[in-house]
């Protein structure tokens, strides 16, 4: 039995779909690049919404605490 070593050429994998691509590239196609951009934009938008929600909630709590009669 002879063992033959096959060398895999240097490569990386697409960030979106995982296909093997040449070294130095990040995506295998424009579709994957656009998909990643849309995903990043969606994540950024959700992060902003959560930030605004928590700031508004904090302001409401502060106002409610300030308006509560003490005594």
PDB file of N, CA and C in Angstrom:
ATOM      1  N   UNK A   1       0.835  -1.176   0.000  1.00  0.00           N
ATOM      2  CA  UNK A   1       0.000   0.000   0.000  1.00  0.00           C
ATOM      3  C   UNK A   1       0.880   1.239   0.000  1.00  0.00           C
ATOM      4  N   UNK A   2       0.725   2.036  -0.980  1.00  0.00           N
ATOM      5  CA  UNK A   2       1.499   3.273  -1.006  1.00  0.00           C
ATOM      6  C   UNK A   2       0.602   4.416  -0.549  1.00  0.00           C
ATOM      7  N   UNK A   3       1.165   5.219   0.277  1.00  0.00           N
ATOM      8  CA  UNK A   3       0.404   6.375   0.758  1.00  0.00           C
ATOM      9  C   UNK A   3       0.811   7.578  -0.070  1.00  0.00           C
ATOM     10  N   UNK A   4      -0.170   8.162  -0.669  1.00  0.00           N
ATOM     11  CA  UNK A   4       0.087   9.316  -1.502  1.00  0.00           C
ATOM     12  C   UNK A   4      -0.458  10.544  -0.781  1.00  0.00           C
ATOM     13  N   UNK A   5       0.404  11.522  -0.608  1.00  0.00           N
ATOM     14  CA  UNK A   5      -0.040  12.757   0.035  1.00  0.00           C
ATOM     15  C   UNK A   5      -0.457  13.731  -1.051  1.00  0.00           C
ATOM     16  N   UNK A   6      -1.684  14.169  -0.963  1.00  0.00           N
ATOM     17  CA  UNK A   6      -2.132  15.194  -1.891  1.00  0.00           C
ATOM     18  C   UNK A   6      -2.095  16.513  -1.149  1.00  0.00           C
ATOM     19  N   UNK A   7      -1.473  17.461  -1.775  1.00  0.00           N
ATOM     20  CA  UNK A   7      -1.385  18.772  -1.141  1.00  0.00           C
ATOM     21  C   UNK A   7      -2.584  19.613  -1.547  1.00  0.00           C
ATOM     22  N   UNK A   8      -3.153  20.225  -0.563  1.00  0.00           N
ATOM     23  CA  UNK A   8      -4.254  21.148  -0.801  1.00  0.00           C
ATOM     24  C   UNK A   8      -3.627  22.511  -1.041  1.00  0.00           C
ATOM     25  N   UNK A   9      -3.990  23.168  -2.144  1.00  0.00           N
ATOM     26  CA  UNK A   9      -3.398  24.483  -2.406  1.00  0.00           C
ATOM     27  C   UNK A   9      -3.806  25.475  -1.321  1.00  0.00           C
ATOM     28  N   UNK A  10      -2.970  26.477  -1.079  1.00  0.00           N
ATOM     29  CA  UNK A  10      -3.318  27.481  -0.065  1.00  0.00           C
ATOM     30  C   UNK A  10      -4.666  28.125  -0.397  1.00  0.00           C
ATOM     31  N   UNK A  11      -5.509  28.203   0.597  1.00  0.00           N
ATOM     32  CA  UNK A  11      -6.825  28.789   0.383  1.00  0.00           C
ATOM     33  C   UNK A  11      -7.394  29.276   1.713  1.00  0.00           C
ATOM     34  N   UNK A  12      -8.459  30.039   1.606  1.00  0.00           N
ATOM     35  CA  UNK A  12      -9.245  30.443   2.770  1.00  0.00           C
ATOM     36  C   UNK A  12     -10.687  30.051   2.471  1.00  0.00           C
ATOM     37  N   UNK A  13     -11.582  30.415   3.358  1.00  0.00           N
ATOM     38  CA  UNK A  13     -12.984  30.081   3.147  1.00  0.00           C
ATOM     39  C   UNK A  13     -13.826  31.349   3.181  1.00  0.00           C
ATOM     40  N   UNK A  14     -14.861  31.362   2.348  1.00  0.00           N
ATOM     41  CA  UNK A  14     -15.797  32.484   2.280  1.00  0.00           C
ATOM     42  C   UNK A  14     -16.426  32.678   3.660  1.00  0.00           C
ATOM     43  N   UNK A  15     -16.522  33.938   4.099  1.00  0.00           N
ATOM     44  CA  UNK A  15     -17.085  34.248   5.411  1.00  0.00           C
ATOM     45  C   UNK A  15     -18.568  33.908   5.500  1.00  0.00           C
ATOM     46  N   UNK A  16     -19.250  33.860   4.354  1.00  0.00           N
ATOM     47  CA  UNK A  16     -20.694  33.657   4.365  1.00  0.00           C
ATOM     48  C   UNK A  16     -21.067  32.193   4.148  1.00  0.00           C
ATOM     49  N   UNK A  17     -20.575  31.607   3.065  1.00  0.00           N
ATOM     50  CA  UNK A  17     -21.019  30.251   2.707  1.00  0.00           C
ATOM     51  C   UNK A  17     -19.987  29.170   3.000  1.00  0.00           C
ATOM     52  N   UNK A  18     -18.741  29.552   3.245  1.00  0.00           N
ATOM     53  CA  UNK A  18     -17.724  28.573   3.605  1.00  0.00           C
ATOM     54  C   UNK A  18     -17.015  27.898   2.445  1.00  0.00           C
ATOM     55  N   UNK A  19     -17.288  28.312   1.209  1.00  0.00           N
ATOM     56  CA  UNK A  19     -16.599  27.718   0.063  1.00  0.00           C
ATOM     57  C   UNK A  19     -15.117  28.059   0.105  1.00  0.00           C
ATOM     58  N   UNK A  20     -14.301  27.176  -0.439  1.00  0.00           N
ATOM     59  CA  UNK A  20     -12.865  27.433  -0.530  1.00  0.00           C
ATOM     60  C   UNK A  20     -12.620  28.497  -1.598  1.00  0.00           C
ATOM     61  N   UNK A  21     -11.811  29.489  -1.250  1.00  0.00           N
ATOM     62  CA  UNK A  21     -11.487  30.579  -2.175  1.00  0.00           C
ATOM     63  C   UNK A  21      -9.990  30.856  -2.097  1.00  0.00           C
ATOM     64  N   UNK A  22      -9.436  31.540  -3.107  1.00  0.00           N
ATOM     65  CA  UNK A  22      -8.001  31.841  -3.079  1.00  0.00           C
ATOM     66  C   UNK A  22      -7.626  32.711  -1.880  1.00  0.00           C
ATOM     67  N   UNK A  23      -6.391  32.572  -1.453  1.00  0.00           N
ATOM     68  CA  UNK A  23      -5.878  33.376  -0.339  1.00  0.00           C
ATOM     69  C   UNK A  23      -5.960  34.850  -0.729  1.00  0.00           C
ATOM     70  N   UNK A  24      -6.359  35.674   0.216  1.00  0.00           N
ATOM     71  CA  UNK A  24      -6.449  37.112  -0.029  1.00  0.00           C
ATOM     72  C   UNK A  24      -7.859  37.583  -0.323  1.00  0.00           C
ATOM     73  N   UNK A  25      -8.751  36.674  -0.662  1.00  0.00           N
ATOM     74  CA  UNK A  25     -10.142  37.046  -0.892  1.00  0.00           C
ATOM     75  C   UNK A  25     -10.929  36.784   0.387  1.00  0.00           C
ATOM     76  N   UNK A  26     -12.015  37.504   0.549  1.00  0.00           N
ATOM     77  CA  UNK A  26     -12.855  37.323   1.726  1.00  0.00           C
ATOM     78  C   UNK A  26     -14.161  36.618   1.380  1.00  0.00           C
ATOM     79  N   UNK A  27     -14.666  36.893   0.185  1.00  0.00           N
ATOM     80  CA  UNK A  27     -15.944  36.326  -0.241  1.00  0.00           C
ATOM     81  C   UNK A  27     -15.768  35.604  -1.571  1.00  0.00           C
ATOM     82  N   UNK A  28     -16.627  34.635  -1.833  1.00  0.00           N
ATOM     83  CA  UNK A  28     -16.528  33.881  -3.085  1.00  0.00           C
ATOM     84  C   UNK A  28     -17.269  34.573  -4.225  1.00  0.00           C
ATOM     85  N   UNK A  29     -18.227  35.433  -3.896  1.00  0.00           N
ATOM     86  CA  UNK A  29     -19.011  36.101  -4.934  1.00  0.00           C
ATOM     87  C   UNK A  29     -19.561  37.419  -4.405  1.00  0.00           C
ATOM     88  N   UNK A  30     -20.078  38.214  -5.338  1.00  0.00           N
ATOM     89  CA  UNK A  30     -20.711  39.473  -4.938  1.00  0.00           C
ATOM     90  C   UNK A  30     -21.974  39.213  -4.120  1.00  0.00           C
ATOM     91  N   UNK A  31     -22.645  38.102  -4.392  1.00  0.00           N
ATOM     92  CA  UNK A  31     -23.852  37.767  -3.630  1.00  0.00           C
ATOM     93  C   UNK A  31     -23.518  37.569  -2.157  1.00  0.00           C
ATOM     94  N   UNK A  32     -22.422  36.867  -1.890  1.00  0.00           N
ATOM     95  CA  UNK A  32     -22.009  36.653  -0.498  1.00  0.00           C
ATOM     96  C   UNK A  32     -21.580  37.971   0.143  1.00  0.00           C
ATOM     97  N   UNK A  33     -20.882  38.815  -0.609  1.00  0.00           N
ATOM     98  CA  UNK A  33     -20.448  40.110  -0.086  1.00  0.00           C
ATOM     99  C   UNK A  33     -21.666  40.965   0.275  1.00  0.00           C
ATOM    100  N   UNK A  34     -22.646  41.020  -0.627  1.00  0.00           N
ATOM    101  CA  UNK A  34     -23.855  41.810  -0.371  1.00  0.00           C
ATOM    102  C   UNK A  34     -24.647  41.238   0.804  1.00  0.00           C
ATOM    103  N   UNK A  35     -24.690  39.932   0.906  1.00  0.00           N
ATOM    104  CA  UNK A  35     -25.383  39.285   2.018  1.00  0.00           C
ATOM    105  C   UNK A  35     -24.740  39.668   3.349  1.00  0.00           C
ATOM    106  N   UNK A  36     -23.417  39.675   3.394  1.00  0.00           N
ATOM    107  CA  UNK A  36     -22.693  40.047   4.616  1.00  0.00           C
ATOM    108  C   UNK A  36     -22.925  41.518   4.961  1.00  0.00           C
ATOM    109  N   UNK A  37     -22.917  42.387   3.955  1.00  0.00           N
ATOM    110  CA  UNK A  37     -23.151  43.819   4.189  1.00  0.00           C
ATOM    111  C   UNK A  37     -24.551  44.031   4.759  1.00  0.00           C
ATOM    112  N   UNK A  38     -25.550  43.367   4.178  1.00  0.00           N
ATOM    113  CA  UNK A  38     -26.922  43.495   4.680  1.00  0.00           C
ATOM    114  C   UNK A  38     -27.032  42.982   6.111  1.00  0.00           C
ATOM    115  N   UNK A  39     -26.358  41.893   6.388  1.00  0.00           N
ATOM    116  CA  UNK A  39     -26.379  41.326   7.739  1.00  0.00           C
ATOM    117  C   UNK A  39     -25.754  42.287   8.746  1.00  0.00           C
ATOM    118  N   UNK A  40     -24.648  42.908   8.368  1.00  0.00           N
ATOM    119  CA  UNK A  40     -23.987  43.870   9.256  1.00  0.00           C
ATOM    120  C   UNK A  40     -24.862  45.096   9.480  1.00  0.00           C
ATOM    121  N   UNK A  41     -25.520  45.574   8.417  1.00  0.00           N
ATOM    122  CA  UNK A  41     -26.405  46.726   8.553  1.00  0.00           C
ATOM    123  C   UNK A  41     -27.579  46.399   9.472  1.00  0.00           C
ATOM    124  N   UNK A  42     -28.131  45.198   9.336  1.00  0.00           N
ATOM    125  CA  UNK A  42     -29.249  44.771  10.183  1.00  0.00           C
ATOM    126  C   UNK A  42     -28.820  44.711  11.646  1.00  0.00           C
ATOM    127  N   UNK A  43     -27.647  44.161  11.898  1.00  0.00           N
ATOM    128  CA  UNK A  43     -27.143  44.065  13.274  1.00  0.00           C
ATOM    129  C   UNK A  43     -26.906  45.454  13.863  1.00  0.00           C
ATOM    130  N   UNK A  44     -26.393  46.362  13.048  1.00  0.00           N
ATOM    131  CA  UNK A  44     -26.148  47.734  13.508  1.00  0.00           C
ATOM    132  C   UNK A  44     -27.468  48.428  13.848  1.00  0.00           C
ATOM    133  N   UNK A  45     -28.475  48.221  13.001  1.00  0.00           N
ATOM    134  CA  UNK A  45     -29.790  48.832  13.226  1.00  0.00           C
ATOM    135  C   UNK A  45     -30.416  48.289  14.511  1.00  0.00           C
ATOM    136  N   UNK A  46     -30.345  46.995  14.724  1.00  0.00           N
ATOM    137  CA  UNK A  46     -30.898  46.389  15.939  1.00  0.00           C
ATOM    138  C   UNK A  46     -30.178  46.912  17.173  1.00  0.00           C
ATOM    139  N   UNK A  47     -28.868  47.064  17.082  1.00  0.00           N
ATOM    140  CA  UNK A  47     -28.092  47.594  18.200  1.00  0.00           C
ATOM    141  C   UNK A  47     -28.529  49.013  18.539  1.00  0.00           C
ATOM    142  N   UNK A  48     -28.757  49.815  17.526  1.00  0.00           N
ATOM    143  CA  UNK A  48     -29.228  51.194  17.759  1.00  0.00           C
ATOM    144  C   UNK A  48     -30.602  51.195  18.413  1.00  0.00           C
ATOM    145  N   UNK A  49     -31.487  50.334  17.945  1.00  0.00           N
ATOM    146  CA  UNK A  49     -32.838  50.266  18.509  1.00  0.00           C
ATOM    147  C   UNK A  49     -32.779  49.889  19.984  1.00  0.00           C
ATOM    148  N   UNK A  50     -31.973  48.884  20.329  1.00  0.00           N
ATOM    149  CA  UNK A  50     -31.828  48.493  21.735  1.00  0.00           C
ATOM    150  C   UNK A  50     -31.254  49.628  22.573  1.00  0.00           C
ATOM    151  N   UNK A  51     -30.268  50.325  22.043  1.00  0.00           N
ATOM    152  CA  UNK A  51     -29.666  51.438  22.779  1.00  0.00           C
ATOM    153  C   UNK A  51     -30.701  52.525  23.047  1.00  0.00           C
ATOM    154  N   UNK A  52     -31.459  52.896  22.026  1.00  0.00           N
ATOM    155  CA  UNK A  52     -32.496  53.921  22.184  1.00  0.00           C
ATOM    156  C   UNK A  52     -33.553  53.453  23.181  1.00  0.00           C
ATOM    157  N   UNK A  53     -33.954  52.191  23.098  1.00  0.00           N
ATOM    158  CA  UNK A  53     -34.954  51.646  24.012  1.00  0.00           C
ATOM    159  C   UNK A  53     -34.483  51.734  25.462  1.00  0.00           C
ATOM    160  N   UNK A  54     -33.250  51.319  25.730  1.00  0.00           N
ATOM    161  CA  UNK A  54     -32.759  51.329  27.110  1.00  0.00           C
ATOM    162  C   UNK A  54     -32.544  52.750  27.634  1.00  0.00           C
ATOM    163  N   UNK A  55     -32.128  53.670  26.780  1.00  0.00           N
ATOM    164  CA  UNK A  55     -31.993  55.064  27.207  1.00  0.00           C
ATOM    165  C   UNK A  55     -33.374  55.630  27.538  1.00  0.00           C
ATOM    166  N   UNK A  56     -34.365  55.356  26.678  1.00  0.00           N
ATOM    167  CA  UNK A  56     -35.728  55.832  26.940  1.00  0.00           C
ATOM    168  C   UNK A  56     -36.274  55.224  28.229  1.00  0.00           C
ATOM    169  N   UNK A  57     -36.027  53.953  28.441  1.00  0.00           N
ATOM    170  CA  UNK A  57     -36.474  53.292  29.663  1.00  0.00           C
ATOM    171  C   UNK A  57     -35.829  53.919  30.894  1.00  0.00           C
ATOM    172  N   UNK A  58     -34.553  54.205  30.811  1.00  0.00           N
ATOM    173  CA  UNK A  58     -33.849  54.846  31.918  1.00  0.00           C
ATOM    174  C   UNK A  58     -34.424  56.231  32.205  1.00  0.00           C
ATOM    175  N   UNK A  59     -34.694  56.992  31.168  1.00  0.00           N
ATOM    176  CA  UNK A  59     -35.276  58.330  31.345  1.00  0.00           C
ATOM    177  C   UNK A  59     -36.658  58.224  31.993  1.00  0.00           C
ATOM    178  N   UNK A  60     -37.468  57.276  31.549  1.00  0.00           N
ATOM    179  CA  UNK A  60     -38.802  57.093  32.134  1.00  0.00           C
ATOM    180  C   UNK A  60     -38.696  56.725  33.610  1.00  0.00           C
ATOM    181  N   UNK A  61     -37.781  55.849  33.953  1.00  0.00           N
ATOM    182  CA  UNK A  61     -37.600  55.460  35.358  1.00  0.00           C
ATOM    183  C   UNK A  61     -37.166  56.657  36.191  1.00  0.00           C
ATOM    184  N   UNK A  62     -36.254  57.462  35.677  1.00  0.00           N
ATOM    185  CA  UNK A  62     -35.792  58.652  36.410  1.00  0.00           C
ATOM    186  C   UNK A  62     -36.944  59.629  36.601  1.00  0.00           C
ATOM    187  N   UNK A  63     -37.742  59.858  35.567  1.00  0.00           N
ATOM    188  CA  UNK A  63     -38.876  60.785  35.665  1.00  0.00           C
ATOM    189  C   UNK A  63     -39.910  60.253  36.656  1.00  0.00           C
ATOM    190  N   UNK A  64     -40.223  58.972  36.570  1.00  0.00           N
ATOM    191  CA  UNK A  64     -41.209  58.394  37.491  1.00  0.00           C
ATOM    192  C   UNK A  64     -40.719  58.479  38.933  1.00  0.00           C
ATOM    193  N   UNK A  65     -39.435  58.267  39.145  1.00  0.00           N
ATOM    194  CA  UNK A  65     -38.874  58.362  40.492  1.00  0.00           C
ATOM    195  C   UNK A  65     -38.940  59.798  40.996  1.00  0.00           C
ATOM    196  N   UNK A  66     -38.671  60.754  40.127  1.00  0.00           N
ATOM    197  CA  UNK A  66     -38.689  62.161  40.524  1.00  0.00           C
ATOM    198  C   UNK A  66     -40.109  62.640  40.809  1.00  0.00           C
ATOM    199  N   UNK A  67     -41.102  62.094  40.129  1.00  0.00           N
ATOM    200  CA  UNK A  67     -42.484  62.537  40.309  1.00  0.00           C
ATOM    201  C   UNK A  67     -43.215  61.808  41.433  1.00  0.00           C
ATOM    202  N   UNK A  68     -42.637  60.764  41.960  1.00  0.00           N
ATOM    203  CA  UNK A  68     -43.267  60.010  43.038  1.00  0.00           C
ATOM    204  C   UNK A  68     -43.225  60.825  44.326  1.00  0.00           C
ATOM    205  N   UNK A  69     -44.403  61.037  44.956  1.00  0.00           N
ATOM    206  CA  UNK A  69     -44.407  61.804  46.206  1.00  0.00           C
ATOM    207  C   UNK A  69     -43.698  61.031  47.321  1.00  0.00           C
ATOM    208  N   UNK A  70     -42.975  61.771  48.098  1.00  0.00           N
ATOM    209  CA  UNK A  70     -42.253  61.158  49.220  1.00  0.00           C
ATOM    210  C   UNK A  70     -42.920  61.594  50.515  1.00  0.00           C
ATOM    211  N   UNK A  71     -43.066  60.667  51.373  1.00  0.00           N
ATOM    212  CA  UNK A  71     -43.606  61.095  52.649  1.00  0.00           C
ATOM    213  C   UNK A  71     -44.369  60.109  53.383  1.00  0.00           C
TER     214      UNK A  71
END
